[in-house]
PDB file of all heavy atoms in Angstrom:
ATOM      1  N   ALA A   1    -157.968 -81.264 153.049  1.00  0.00           N
ATOM      2  CA  ALA A   1    -158.278 -80.098 152.229  1.00  0.00           C
ATOM      3  C   ALA A   1    -156.994 -79.470 151.681  1.00  0.00           C
ATOM      4  O   ALA A   1    -156.948 -79.035 150.513  1.00  0.00           O
ATOM      5  CB  ALA A   1    -159.057 -79.068 153.044  1.00  0.00           C
ATOM      6  N   THR A   2    -155.954 -79.421 152.503  1.00  0.00           N
ATOM      7  CA  THR A   2    -154.675 -78.880 152.040  1.00  0.00           C
ATOM      8  C   THR A   2    -154.073 -79.787 150.978  1.00  0.00           C
ATOM      9  O   THR A   2    -153.528 -79.312 149.964  1.00  0.00           O
ATOM     10  CB  THR A   2    -153.708 -78.720 153.224  1.00  0.00           C
ATOM     11  OG1 THR A   2    -154.288 -77.835 154.192  1.00  0.00           O
ATOM     12  CG2 THR A   2    -152.372 -78.162 152.763  1.00  0.00           C
ATOM     13  N   GLY A   3    -154.177 -81.099 151.169  1.00  0.00           N
ATOM     14  CA  GLY A   3    -153.700 -82.032 150.157  1.00  0.00           C
ATOM     15  C   GLY A   3    -154.418 -81.843 148.833  1.00  0.00           C
ATOM     16  O   GLY A   3    -153.797 -81.891 147.757  1.00  0.00           O
ATOM     17  N   VAL A   4    -155.721 -81.612 148.892  1.00  0.00           N
ATOM     18  CA  VAL A   4    -156.507 -81.365 147.671  1.00  0.00           C
ATOM     19  C   VAL A   4    -156.011 -80.099 146.977  1.00  0.00           C
ATOM     20  O   VAL A   4    -155.851 -80.061 145.743  1.00  0.00           O
ATOM     21  CB  VAL A   4    -158.002 -81.250 148.010  1.00  0.00           C
ATOM     22  CG1 VAL A   4    -158.793 -80.722 146.813  1.00  0.00           C
ATOM     23  CG2 VAL A   4    -158.548 -82.601 148.454  1.00  0.00           C
ATOM     24  N   ALA A   5    -155.761 -79.062 147.766  1.00  0.00           N
ATOM     25  CA  ALA A   5    -155.272 -77.811 147.182  1.00  0.00           C
ATOM     26  C   ALA A   5    -153.928 -78.012 146.496  1.00  0.00           C
ATOM     27  O   ALA A   5    -153.681 -77.456 145.410  1.00  0.00           O
ATOM     28  CB  ALA A   5    -155.153 -76.742 148.269  1.00  0.00           C
ATOM     29  N   TYR A   6    -153.053 -78.801 147.097  1.00  0.00           N
ATOM     30  CA  TYR A   6    -151.750 -79.064 146.487  1.00  0.00           C
ATOM     31  C   TYR A   6    -151.899 -79.856 145.188  1.00  0.00           C
ATOM     32  O   TYR A   6    -151.188 -79.605 144.207  1.00  0.00           O
ATOM     33  CB  TYR A   6    -150.846 -79.813 147.467  1.00  0.00           C
ATOM     34  CG  TYR A   6    -150.355 -78.990 148.638  1.00  0.00           C
ATOM     35  CD1 TYR A   6    -150.727 -77.656 148.790  1.00  0.00           C
ATOM     36  CD2 TYR A   6    -149.522 -79.543 149.601  1.00  0.00           C
ATOM     37  CE1 TYR A   6    -150.283 -76.906 149.871  1.00  0.00           C
ATOM     38  CE2 TYR A   6    -149.064 -78.799 150.680  1.00  0.00           C
ATOM     39  CZ  TYR A   6    -149.449 -77.485 150.815  1.00  0.00           C
ATOM     40  OH  TYR A   6    -149.000 -76.743 151.878  1.00  0.00           O
ATOM     41  N   LEU A   7    -152.815 -80.824 145.172  1.00  0.00           N
ATOM     42  CA  LEU A   7    -153.057 -81.575 143.943  1.00  0.00           C
ATOM     43  C   LEU A   7    -153.503 -80.649 142.817  1.00  0.00           C
ATOM     44  O   LEU A   7    -153.079 -80.795 141.660  1.00  0.00           O
ATOM     45  CB  LEU A   7    -154.118 -82.652 144.180  1.00  0.00           C
ATOM     46  CG  LEU A   7    -153.732 -83.870 145.024  1.00  0.00           C
ATOM     47  CD1 LEU A   7    -154.906 -84.833 145.115  1.00  0.00           C
ATOM     48  CD2 LEU A   7    -152.512 -84.582 144.460  1.00  0.00           C
ATOM     49  N   ARG A   8    -154.355 -79.686 143.142  1.00  0.00           N
ATOM     50  CA  ARG A   8    -154.841 -78.756 142.118  1.00  0.00           C
ATOM     51  C   ARG A   8    -153.695 -77.896 141.575  1.00  0.00           C
ATOM     52  O   ARG A   8    -153.590 -77.670 140.366  1.00  0.00           O
ATOM     53  CB  ARG A   8    -155.934 -77.874 142.708  1.00  0.00           C
ATOM     54  CG  ARG A   8    -157.254 -78.615 142.952  1.00  0.00           C
ATOM     55  CD  ARG A   8    -158.241 -77.748 143.697  1.00  0.00           C
ATOM     56  NE  ARG A   8    -159.528 -78.418 143.859  1.00  0.00           N
ATOM     57  CZ  ARG A   8    -160.339 -78.229 144.888  1.00  0.00           C
ATOM     58  NH1 ARG A   8    -159.999 -77.385 145.861  1.00  0.00           N
ATOM     59  NH2 ARG A   8    -161.481 -78.885 144.963  1.00  0.00           N
ATOM     60  N   LEU A   9    -152.847 -77.419 142.470  1.00  0.00           N
ATOM     61  CA  LEU A   9    -151.725 -76.595 142.019  1.00  0.00           C
ATOM     62  C   LEU A   9    -150.768 -77.400 141.150  1.00  0.00           C
ATOM     63  O   LEU A   9    -150.244 -76.895 140.142  1.00  0.00           O
ATOM     64  CB  LEU A   9    -150.983 -76.024 143.228  1.00  0.00           C
ATOM     65  CG  LEU A   9    -151.714 -74.959 144.050  1.00  0.00           C
ATOM     66  CD1 LEU A   9    -150.879 -74.561 145.265  1.00  0.00           C
ATOM     67  CD2 LEU A   9    -152.026 -73.730 143.208  1.00  0.00           C
ATOM     68  N   LEU A  10    -150.549 -78.659 141.538  1.00  0.00           N
ATOM     69  CA  LEU A  10    -149.647 -79.508 140.757  1.00  0.00           C
ATOM     70  C   LEU A  10    -150.271 -79.910 139.421  1.00  0.00           C
ATOM     71  O   LEU A  10    -149.574 -80.046 138.411  1.00  0.00           O
ATOM     72  CB  LEU A  10    -149.275 -80.741 141.574  1.00  0.00           C
ATOM     73  CG  LEU A  10    -148.411 -80.461 142.817  1.00  0.00           C
ATOM     74  CD1 LEU A  10    -148.306 -81.697 143.691  1.00  0.00           C
ATOM     75  CD2 LEU A  10    -147.019 -79.971 142.421  1.00  0.00           C
ATOM     76  N   ALA A  11    -151.592 -80.078 139.422  1.00  0.00           N
ATOM     77  CA  ALA A  11    -152.272 -80.380 138.164  1.00  0.00           C
ATOM     78  C   ALA A  11    -152.138 -79.217 137.187  1.00  0.00           C
ATOM     79  O   ALA A  11    -152.009 -79.414 135.969  1.00  0.00           O
ATOM     80  CB  ALA A  11    -153.742 -80.699 138.422  1.00  0.00           C
ATOM     81  N   ASP A  12    -152.154 -77.995 137.719  1.00  0.00           N
ATOM     82  CA  ASP A  12    -151.969 -76.818 136.871  1.00  0.00           C
ATOM     83  C   ASP A  12    -150.585 -76.802 136.229  1.00  0.00           C
ATOM     84  O   ASP A  12    -150.379 -76.147 135.192  1.00  0.00           O
ATOM     85  CB  ASP A  12    -152.166 -75.541 137.687  1.00  0.00           C
ATOM     86  CG  ASP A  12    -153.613 -75.339 138.116  1.00  0.00           C
ATOM     87  OD1 ASP A  12    -154.503 -75.969 137.513  1.00  0.00           O
ATOM     88  OD2 ASP A  12    -153.843 -74.556 139.062  1.00  0.00           O
ATOM     89  N   GLU A  13    -149.643 -77.533 136.860  1.00  0.00           N
ATOM     90  CA  GLU A  13    -148.289 -77.621 136.310  1.00  0.00           C
ATOM     91  C   GLU A  13    -148.129 -78.817 135.373  1.00  0.00           C
ATOM     92  O   GLU A  13    -147.018 -79.109 134.922  1.00  0.00           O
ATOM     93  CB  GLU A  13    -147.276 -77.724 137.455  1.00  0.00           C
ATOM     94  CG  GLU A  13    -147.237 -76.505 138.356  1.00  0.00           C
ATOM     95  CD  GLU A  13    -146.853 -75.242 137.611  1.00  0.00           C
ATOM     96  OE1 GLU A  13    -145.910 -75.302 136.785  1.00  0.00           O
ATOM     97  OE2 GLU A  13    -147.497 -74.192 137.834  1.00  0.00           O
ATOM     98  N   GLY A  14    -149.232 -79.508 135.123  1.00  0.00           N
ATOM     99  CA  GLY A  14    -149.202 -80.614 134.176  1.00  0.00           C
ATOM    100  C   GLY A  14    -148.922 -81.972 134.769  1.00  0.00           C
ATOM    101  O   GLY A  14    -148.727 -82.940 134.019  1.00  0.00           O
ATOM    102  N   LEU A  15    -148.921 -82.105 136.100  1.00  0.00           N
ATOM    103  CA  LEU A  15    -148.647 -83.399 136.724  1.00  0.00           C
ATOM    104  C   LEU A  15    -149.928 -84.222 136.819  1.00  0.00           C
ATOM    105  O   LEU A  15    -151.013 -83.683 137.068  1.00  0.00           O
ATOM    106  CB  LEU A  15    -148.054 -83.218 138.117  1.00  0.00           C
ATOM    107  CG  LEU A  15    -146.527 -83.065 138.203  1.00  0.00           C
ATOM    108  CD1 LEU A  15    -146.088 -81.746 137.576  1.00  0.00           C
ATOM    109  CD2 LEU A  15    -146.055 -83.164 139.657  1.00  0.00           C
ATOM    110  N   SER A  16    -149.799 -85.526 136.671  1.00  0.00           N
ATOM    111  CA  SER A  16    -150.934 -86.421 136.890  1.00  0.00           C
ATOM    112  C   SER A  16    -151.210 -86.525 138.378  1.00  0.00           C
ATOM    113  O   SER A  16    -150.382 -86.152 139.220  1.00  0.00           O
ATOM    114  CB  SER A  16    -150.622 -87.810 136.331  1.00  0.00           C
ATOM    115  OG  SER A  16    -149.583 -88.424 137.089  1.00  0.00           O
ATOM    116  N   VAL A  17    -152.388 -87.036 138.719  1.00  0.00           N
ATOM    117  CA  VAL A  17    -152.749 -87.200 140.123  1.00  0.00           C
ATOM    118  C   VAL A  17    -151.747 -88.107 140.835  1.00  0.00           C
ATOM    119  O   VAL A  17    -151.290 -87.802 141.942  1.00  0.00           O
ATOM    120  CB  VAL A  17    -154.179 -87.765 140.249  1.00  0.00           C
ATOM    121  CG1 VAL A  17    -154.496 -88.113 141.696  1.00  0.00           C
ATOM    122  CG2 VAL A  17    -155.186 -86.765 139.714  1.00  0.00           C
ATOM    123  N   GLU A  18    -151.392 -89.245 140.206  1.00  0.00           N
ATOM    124  CA  GLU A  18    -150.474 -90.181 140.839  1.00  0.00           C
ATOM    125  C   GLU A  18    -149.102 -89.553 141.057  1.00  0.00           C
ATOM    126  O   GLU A  18    -148.497 -89.703 142.119  1.00  0.00           O
ATOM    127  CB  GLU A  18    -150.325 -91.454 140.000  1.00  0.00           C
ATOM    128  CG  GLU A  18    -151.531 -92.376 140.018  1.00  0.00           C
ATOM    129  CD  GLU A  18    -152.569 -91.991 138.971  1.00  0.00           C
ATOM    130  OE1 GLU A  18    -152.404 -90.928 138.324  1.00  0.00           O
ATOM    131  OE2 GLU A  18    -153.551 -92.741 138.799  1.00  0.00           O
ATOM    132  N   HIS A  19    -148.621 -88.835 140.052  1.00  0.00           N
ATOM    133  CA  HIS A  19    -147.305 -88.206 140.159  1.00  0.00           C
ATOM    134  C   HIS A  19    -147.323 -87.123 141.233  1.00  0.00           C
ATOM    135  O   HIS A  19    -146.387 -87.002 142.039  1.00  0.00           O
ATOM    136  CB  HIS A  19    -146.893 -87.621 138.809  1.00  0.00           C
ATOM    137  CG  HIS A  19    -145.420 -87.365 138.701  1.00  0.00           C
ATOM    138  ND1 HIS A  19    -144.817 -86.927 137.542  1.00  0.00           N
ATOM    139  CD2 HIS A  19    -144.418 -87.469 139.618  1.00  0.00           C
ATOM    140  CE1 HIS A  19    -143.521 -86.781 137.733  1.00  0.00           C
ATOM    141  NE2 HIS A  19    -143.260 -87.093 138.993  1.00  0.00           N
ATOM    142  N   ALA A  20    -148.380 -86.327 141.248  1.00  0.00           N
ATOM    143  CA  ALA A  20    -148.490 -85.262 142.245  1.00  0.00           C
ATOM    144  C   ALA A  20    -148.566 -85.834 143.653  1.00  0.00           C
ATOM    145  O   ALA A  20    -147.916 -85.328 144.583  1.00  0.00           O
ATOM    146  CB  ALA A  20    -149.721 -84.410 141.946  1.00  0.00           C
ATOM    147  N   ALA A  21    -149.353 -86.896 143.821  1.00  0.00           N
ATOM    148  CA  ALA A  21    -149.525 -87.477 145.155  1.00  0.00           C
ATOM    149  C   ALA A  21    -148.218 -88.017 145.707  1.00  0.00           C
ATOM    150  O   ALA A  21    -147.993 -87.988 146.927  1.00  0.00           O
ATOM    151  CB  ALA A  21    -150.574 -88.585 145.108  1.00  0.00           C
ATOM    152  N   ARG A  22    -147.353 -88.499 144.837  1.00  0.00           N
ATOM    153  CA  ARG A  22    -146.074 -89.048 145.311  1.00  0.00           C
ATOM    154  C   ARG A  22    -145.139 -87.974 145.862  1.00  0.00           C
ATOM    155  O   ARG A  22    -144.178 -88.296 146.573  1.00  0.00           O
ATOM    156  CB  ARG A  22    -145.396 -89.819 144.177  1.00  0.00           C
ATOM    157  CG  ARG A  22    -146.038 -91.154 143.860  1.00  0.00           C
ATOM    158  CD  ARG A  22    -145.096 -92.041 143.059  1.00  0.00           C
ATOM    159  NE  ARG A  22    -144.829 -91.505 141.728  1.00  0.00           N
ATOM    160  CZ  ARG A  22    -145.573 -91.769 140.646  1.00  0.00           C
ATOM    161  NH1 ARG A  22    -146.633 -92.566 140.764  1.00  0.00           N
ATOM    162  NH2 ARG A  22    -145.252 -91.257 139.464  1.00  0.00           N
ATOM    163  N   LEU A  23    -145.414 -86.720 145.559  1.00  0.00           N
ATOM    164  CA  LEU A  23    -144.571 -85.630 146.066  1.00  0.00           C
ATOM    165  C   LEU A  23    -144.932 -85.211 147.489  1.00  0.00           C
ATOM    166  O   LEU A  23    -144.205 -84.447 148.108  1.00  0.00           O
ATOM    167  CB  LEU A  23    -144.696 -84.404 145.153  1.00  0.00           C
ATOM    168  CG  LEU A  23    -144.051 -84.485 143.770  1.00  0.00           C
ATOM    169  CD1 LEU A  23    -144.407 -83.245 142.965  1.00  0.00           C
ATOM    170  CD2 LEU A  23    -142.539 -84.634 143.892  1.00  0.00           C
ATOM    171  N   ILE A  24    -146.071 -85.700 147.992  1.00  0.00           N
ATOM    172  CA  ILE A  24    -146.636 -85.189 149.246  1.00  0.00           C
ATOM    173  C   ILE A  24    -146.468 -86.199 150.377  1.00  0.00           C
ATOM    174  O   ILE A  24    -146.736 -87.387 150.216  1.00  0.00           O
ATOM    175  CB  ILE A  24    -148.136 -84.867 149.074  1.00  0.00           C
ATOM    176  CG1 ILE A  24    -148.344 -83.897 147.914  1.00  0.00           C
ATOM    177  CG2 ILE A  24    -148.709 -84.287 150.366  1.00  0.00           C
ATOM    178  CD1 ILE A  24    -149.808 -83.666 147.566  1.00  0.00           C
ATOM    179  N   GLU A  25    -146.051 -85.681 151.532  1.00  0.00           N
ATOM    180  CA  GLU A  25    -146.080 -86.470 152.772  1.00  0.00           C
ATOM    181  C   GLU A  25    -146.984 -85.755 153.759  1.00  0.00           C
ATOM    182  O   GLU A  25    -146.937 -84.524 153.893  1.00  0.00           O
ATOM    183  CB  GLU A  25    -144.685 -86.630 153.369  1.00  0.00           C
ATOM    184  CG  GLU A  25    -144.679 -87.466 154.651  1.00  0.00           C
ATOM    185  CD  GLU A  25    -143.284 -87.736 155.182  1.00  0.00           C
ATOM    186  OE1 GLU A  25    -142.560 -86.751 155.474  1.00  0.00           O
ATOM    187  OE2 GLU A  25    -142.893 -88.904 155.298  1.00  0.00           O
ATOM    188  N   PHE A  26    -147.794 -86.533 154.476  1.00  0.00           N
ATOM    189  CA  PHE A  26    -148.733 -85.978 155.448  1.00  0.00           C
ATOM    190  C   PHE A  26    -148.191 -86.183 156.859  1.00  0.00           C
ATOM    191  O   PHE A  26    -147.608 -87.227 157.168  1.00  0.00           O
ATOM    192  CB  PHE A  26    -150.103 -86.654 155.318  1.00  0.00           C
ATOM    193  CG  PHE A  26    -150.785 -86.362 154.015  1.00  0.00           C
ATOM    194  CD1 PHE A  26    -150.510 -87.115 152.876  1.00  0.00           C
ATOM    195  CD2 PHE A  26    -151.689 -85.324 153.904  1.00  0.00           C
ATOM    196  CE1 PHE A  26    -151.123 -86.843 151.664  1.00  0.00           C
ATOM    197  CE2 PHE A  26    -152.315 -85.038 152.702  1.00  0.00           C
ATOM    198  CZ  PHE A  26    -152.034 -85.803 151.576  1.00  0.00           C
ATOM    199  N   ARG A  27    -148.430 -85.195 157.705  1.00  0.00           N
ATOM    200  CA  ARG A  27    -147.943 -85.255 159.086  1.00  0.00           C
ATOM    201  C   ARG A  27    -149.128 -85.079 160.032  1.00  0.00           C
ATOM    202  O   ARG A  27    -149.881 -84.102 159.920  1.00  0.00           O
ATOM    203  CB  ARG A  27    -146.896 -84.162 159.304  1.00  0.00           C
ATOM    204  CG  ARG A  27    -146.100 -84.274 160.589  1.00  0.00           C
ATOM    205  CD  ARG A  27    -145.000 -83.207 160.609  1.00  0.00           C
ATOM    206  NE  ARG A  27    -144.006 -83.437 159.564  1.00  0.00           N
ATOM    207  CZ  ARG A  27    -143.126 -82.520 159.164  1.00  0.00           C
ATOM    208  NH1 ARG A  27    -143.133 -81.309 159.693  1.00  0.00           N
ATOM    209  NH2 ARG A  27    -142.246 -82.818 158.210  1.00  0.00           N
ATOM    210  N   LEU A  28    -149.305 -86.016 160.946  1.00  0.00           N
ATOM    211  CA  LEU A  28    -150.412 -85.982 161.900  1.00  0.00           C
ATOM    212  C   LEU A  28    -149.889 -86.107 163.325  1.00  0.00           C
ATOM    213  O   LEU A  28    -148.862 -86.751 163.569  1.00  0.00           O
ATOM    214  CB  LEU A  28    -151.394 -87.127 161.638  1.00  0.00           C
ATOM    215  CG  LEU A  28    -152.442 -86.974 160.540  1.00  0.00           C
ATOM    216  CD1 LEU A  28    -153.263 -88.249 160.440  1.00  0.00           C
ATOM    217  CD2 LEU A  28    -153.364 -85.794 160.835  1.00  0.00           C
ATOM    218  N   ALA A  29    -150.632 -85.539 164.266  1.00  0.00           N
ATOM    219  CA  ALA A  29    -150.277 -85.640 165.676  1.00  0.00           C
ATOM    220  C   ALA A  29    -150.847 -86.913 166.271  1.00  0.00           C
ATOM    221  O   ALA A  29    -151.980 -87.304 165.981  1.00  0.00           O
ATOM    222  CB  ALA A  29    -150.794 -84.428 166.450  1.00  0.00           C
ATOM    223  N   ALA A  30    -150.053 -87.565 167.110  1.00  0.00           N
ATOM    224  CA  ALA A  30    -150.497 -88.741 167.864  1.00  0.00           C
ATOM    225  C   ALA A  30    -150.545 -88.361 169.337  1.00  0.00           C
ATOM    226  O   ALA A  30    -149.554 -87.878 169.882  1.00  0.00           O
ATOM    227  CB  ALA A  30    -149.526 -89.909 167.655  1.00  0.00           C
ATOM    228  N   THR A  31    -151.694 -88.554 169.971  1.00  0.00           N
ATOM    229  CA  THR A  31    -151.847 -88.162 171.365  1.00  0.00           C
ATOM    230  C   THR A  31    -151.898 -89.385 172.274  1.00  0.00           C
ATOM    231  O   THR A  31    -151.887 -90.528 171.812  1.00  0.00           O
ATOM    232  CB  THR A  31    -153.127 -87.327 171.567  1.00  0.00           C
ATOM    233  OG1 THR A  31    -154.281 -88.212 171.506  1.00  0.00           O
ATOM    234  CG2 THR A  31    -153.257 -86.257 170.506  1.00  0.00           C
ATOM    235  N   ASP A  32    -152.002 -89.118 173.579  1.00  0.00           N
ATOM    236  CA  ASP A  32    -152.076 -90.208 174.551  1.00  0.00           C
ATOM    237  C   ASP A  32    -153.496 -90.747 174.695  1.00  0.00           C
ATOM    238  O   ASP A  32    -153.753 -91.584 175.565  1.00  0.00           O
ATOM    239  CB  ASP A  32    -151.540 -89.768 175.917  1.00  0.00           C
ATOM    240  CG  ASP A  32    -152.234 -88.526 176.450  1.00  0.00           C
ATOM    241  OD1 ASP A  32    -153.118 -87.975 175.745  1.00  0.00           O
ATOM    242  OD2 ASP A  32    -151.896 -88.084 177.563  1.00  0.00           O
TER     243      ASP A  32
END
């Protein structure tokens, strides 16, 4: 959901989906 929100904000700045997505890195927790 946060990634989607960032795509929308970047689209408002005129970036394509592919270009916007390349700016984002996702971080997830790995458990035991």
